[in-house]
C-alpha atoms as a PDB file:
ATOM      1  CA  MET A   1      -9.553   8.039  39.933  1.00  0.00           C
ATOM      2  CA  ARG A   2      -7.058  10.794  39.130  1.00  0.00           C
ATOM      3  CA  THR A   3      -5.479   8.608  36.499  1.00  0.00           C
ATOM      4  CA  LEU A   4      -8.855   7.985  34.878  1.00  0.00           C
ATOM      5  CA  LEU A   5      -9.657  11.710  34.811  1.00  0.00           C
ATOM      6  CA  ALA A   6      -6.214  12.472  33.403  1.00  0.00           C
ATOM      7  CA  ALA A   7      -6.693   9.827  30.709  1.00  0.00           C
ATOM      8  CA  ILE A   8     -10.114  11.239  29.770  1.00  0.00           C
ATOM      9  CA  ALA A   9      -8.715  14.775  29.670  1.00  0.00           C
ATOM     10  CA  LEU A  10      -5.790  13.643  27.528  1.00  0.00           C
ATOM     11  CA  ALA A  11      -8.101  11.783  25.139  1.00  0.00           C
ATOM     12  CA  SER A  12     -10.318  14.876  24.839  1.00  0.00           C
ATOM     13  CA  LEU A  13      -7.369  17.104  24.073  1.00  0.00           C
ATOM     14  CA  ALA A  14      -6.006  14.639  21.548  1.00  0.00           C
ATOM     15  CA  ALA A  15      -9.395  14.552  19.790  1.00  0.00           C
ATOM     16  CA  CYS A  16      -9.397  18.352  19.592  1.00  0.00           C
ATOM     17  CA  GLY A  17      -5.944  18.251  18.054  1.00  0.00           C
ATOM     18  CA  VAL A  18      -7.033  15.738  15.437  1.00  0.00           C
ATOM     19  CA  GLU A  19     -10.054  17.853  14.584  1.00  0.00           C
ATOM     20  CA  THR A  20      -7.881  20.943  14.279  1.00  0.00           C
ATOM     21  CA  VAL A  21      -5.427  19.169  11.991  1.00  0.00           C
ATOM     22  CA  THR A  22      -8.242  17.792   9.848  1.00  0.00           C
ATOM     23  CA  THR A  23      -9.827  21.217   9.545  1.00  0.00           C
ATOM     24  CA  ALA A  24      -6.497  22.798   8.637  1.00  0.00           C
ATOM     25  CA  ALA A  25      -5.891  20.154   5.975  1.00  0.00           C
ATOM     26  CA  THR A  26      -9.346  20.713   4.510  1.00  0.00           C
ATOM     27  CA  VAL A  27      -8.843  24.478   4.384  1.00  0.00           C
ATOM     28  CA  ALA A  28      -5.411  24.039   2.824  1.00  0.00           C
ATOM     29  CA  GLU A  29      -6.835  21.793   0.104  1.00  0.00           C
ATOM     30  CA  ALA A  30      -9.584  24.309  -0.637  1.00  0.00           C
ATOM     31  CA  LYS A  31      -7.000  27.095  -0.911  1.00  0.00           C
ATOM     32  CA  ARG A  32      -4.829  24.956  -3.192  1.00  0.00           C
ATOM     33  CA  ARG A  33      -7.778  24.394  -5.520  1.00  0.00           C
ATOM     34  CA  GLU A  34      -8.615  28.083  -5.412  1.00  0.00           C
ATOM     35  CA  MET A  35      -5.050  28.980  -6.385  1.00  0.00           C
ATOM     36  CA  GLU A  36      -5.069  26.413  -9.178  1.00  0.00           C
ATOM     37  CA  GLN A  37      -8.279  27.904 -10.584  1.00  0.00           C
ATOM     38  CA  ALA A  38      -6.835  31.411 -10.304  1.00  0.00           C
ATOM     39  CA  LYS A  39      -3.752  30.331 -12.270  1.00  0.00           C
ATOM     40  CA  LYS A  40      -5.981  28.865 -14.977  1.00  0.00           C
ATOM     41  CA  SER A  41      -7.945  32.109 -15.134  1.00  0.00           C
ATOM     42  CA  ILE A  42      -4.743  34.127 -15.459  1.00  0.00           C
ATOM     43  CA  ASP A  43      -3.467  31.860 -18.237  1.00  0.00           C
ATOM     44  CA  MET A  44      -6.774  32.167 -20.075  1.00  0.00           C
ATOM     45  CA  ALA A  45      -6.708  35.957 -19.753  1.00  0.00           C
ATOM     46  CA  LYS A  46      -3.128  36.062 -21.068  1.00  0.00           C
ATOM     47  CA  GLN A  47      -4.152  34.003 -24.098  1.00  0.00           C
ATOM     48  CA  LYS A  48      -7.097  36.300 -24.818  1.00  0.00           C
ATOM     49  CA  ILE A  49      -4.908  39.389 -24.505  1.00  0.00           C
ATOM     50  CA  GLU A  50      -2.311  37.875 -26.832  1.00  0.00           C
ATOM     51  CA  ALA A  51      -4.981  36.962 -29.387  1.00  0.00           C
ATOM     52  CA  ALA A  52      -6.483  40.459 -29.244  1.00  0.00           C
ATOM     53  CA  SER A  53      -3.045  42.020 -29.612  1.00  0.00           C
ATOM     54  CA  GLN A  54      -2.290  39.905 -32.674  1.00  0.00           C
ATOM     55  CA  GLN A  55      -5.658  40.749 -34.189  1.00  0.00           C
ATOM     56  CA  MET A  56      -5.051  44.471 -33.656  1.00  0.00           C
ATOM     57  CA  GLN A  57      -1.619  44.177 -35.243  1.00  0.00           C
ATOM     58  CA  ARG A  58      -3.037  42.371 -38.294  1.00  0.00           C
ATOM     59  CA  SER A  59      -5.769  44.973 -38.599  1.00  0.00           C
ATOM     60  CA  ALA A  60      -3.246  47.800 -38.426  1.00  0.00           C
ATOM     61  CA  GLU A  61      -1.133  46.109 -41.103  1.00  0.00           C
ATOM     62  CA  ARG A  62      -4.166  45.720 -43.376  1.00  0.00           C
ATOM     63  CA  ASN A  63      -5.099  49.369 -42.881  1.00  0.00           C
ATOM     64  CA  GLU A  64      -1.540  50.407 -43.664  1.00  0.00           C
ATOM     65  CA  ASP A  65      -1.530  48.284 -46.829  1.00  0.00           C
ATOM     66  CA  ALA A  66      -4.897  49.695 -47.878  1.00  0.00           C
ATOM     67  CA  SER A  67      -3.734  53.270 -47.411  1.00  0.00           C
ATOM     68  CA  LYS A  68      -0.724  52.641 -49.661  1.00  0.00           C
ATOM     69  CA  ASP A  69      -2.920  51.597 -52.581  1.00  0.00           C
END
C-alpha cells in the first residue's frame, strides 16, 4: 500500500514538473517572438530616421544653392 501511494505521489509530482516545463517553454517562445518583433521595430525606426536625415540634408543643400543664386 505504501508503495502504491509513493508511486501515485511520484507520478503526480512528475506531472507537475512536466506542466511547469511546458509552461516555461511556452513563455520563453512568446518572449522570443516579442524580442524579434521589437528588433524589427527598432530596425524600421532606424531606417525612417536615416531617410528623414537624408531628406533634411538634401533640403538644406537645395536651400543653400538657392541662396547663392
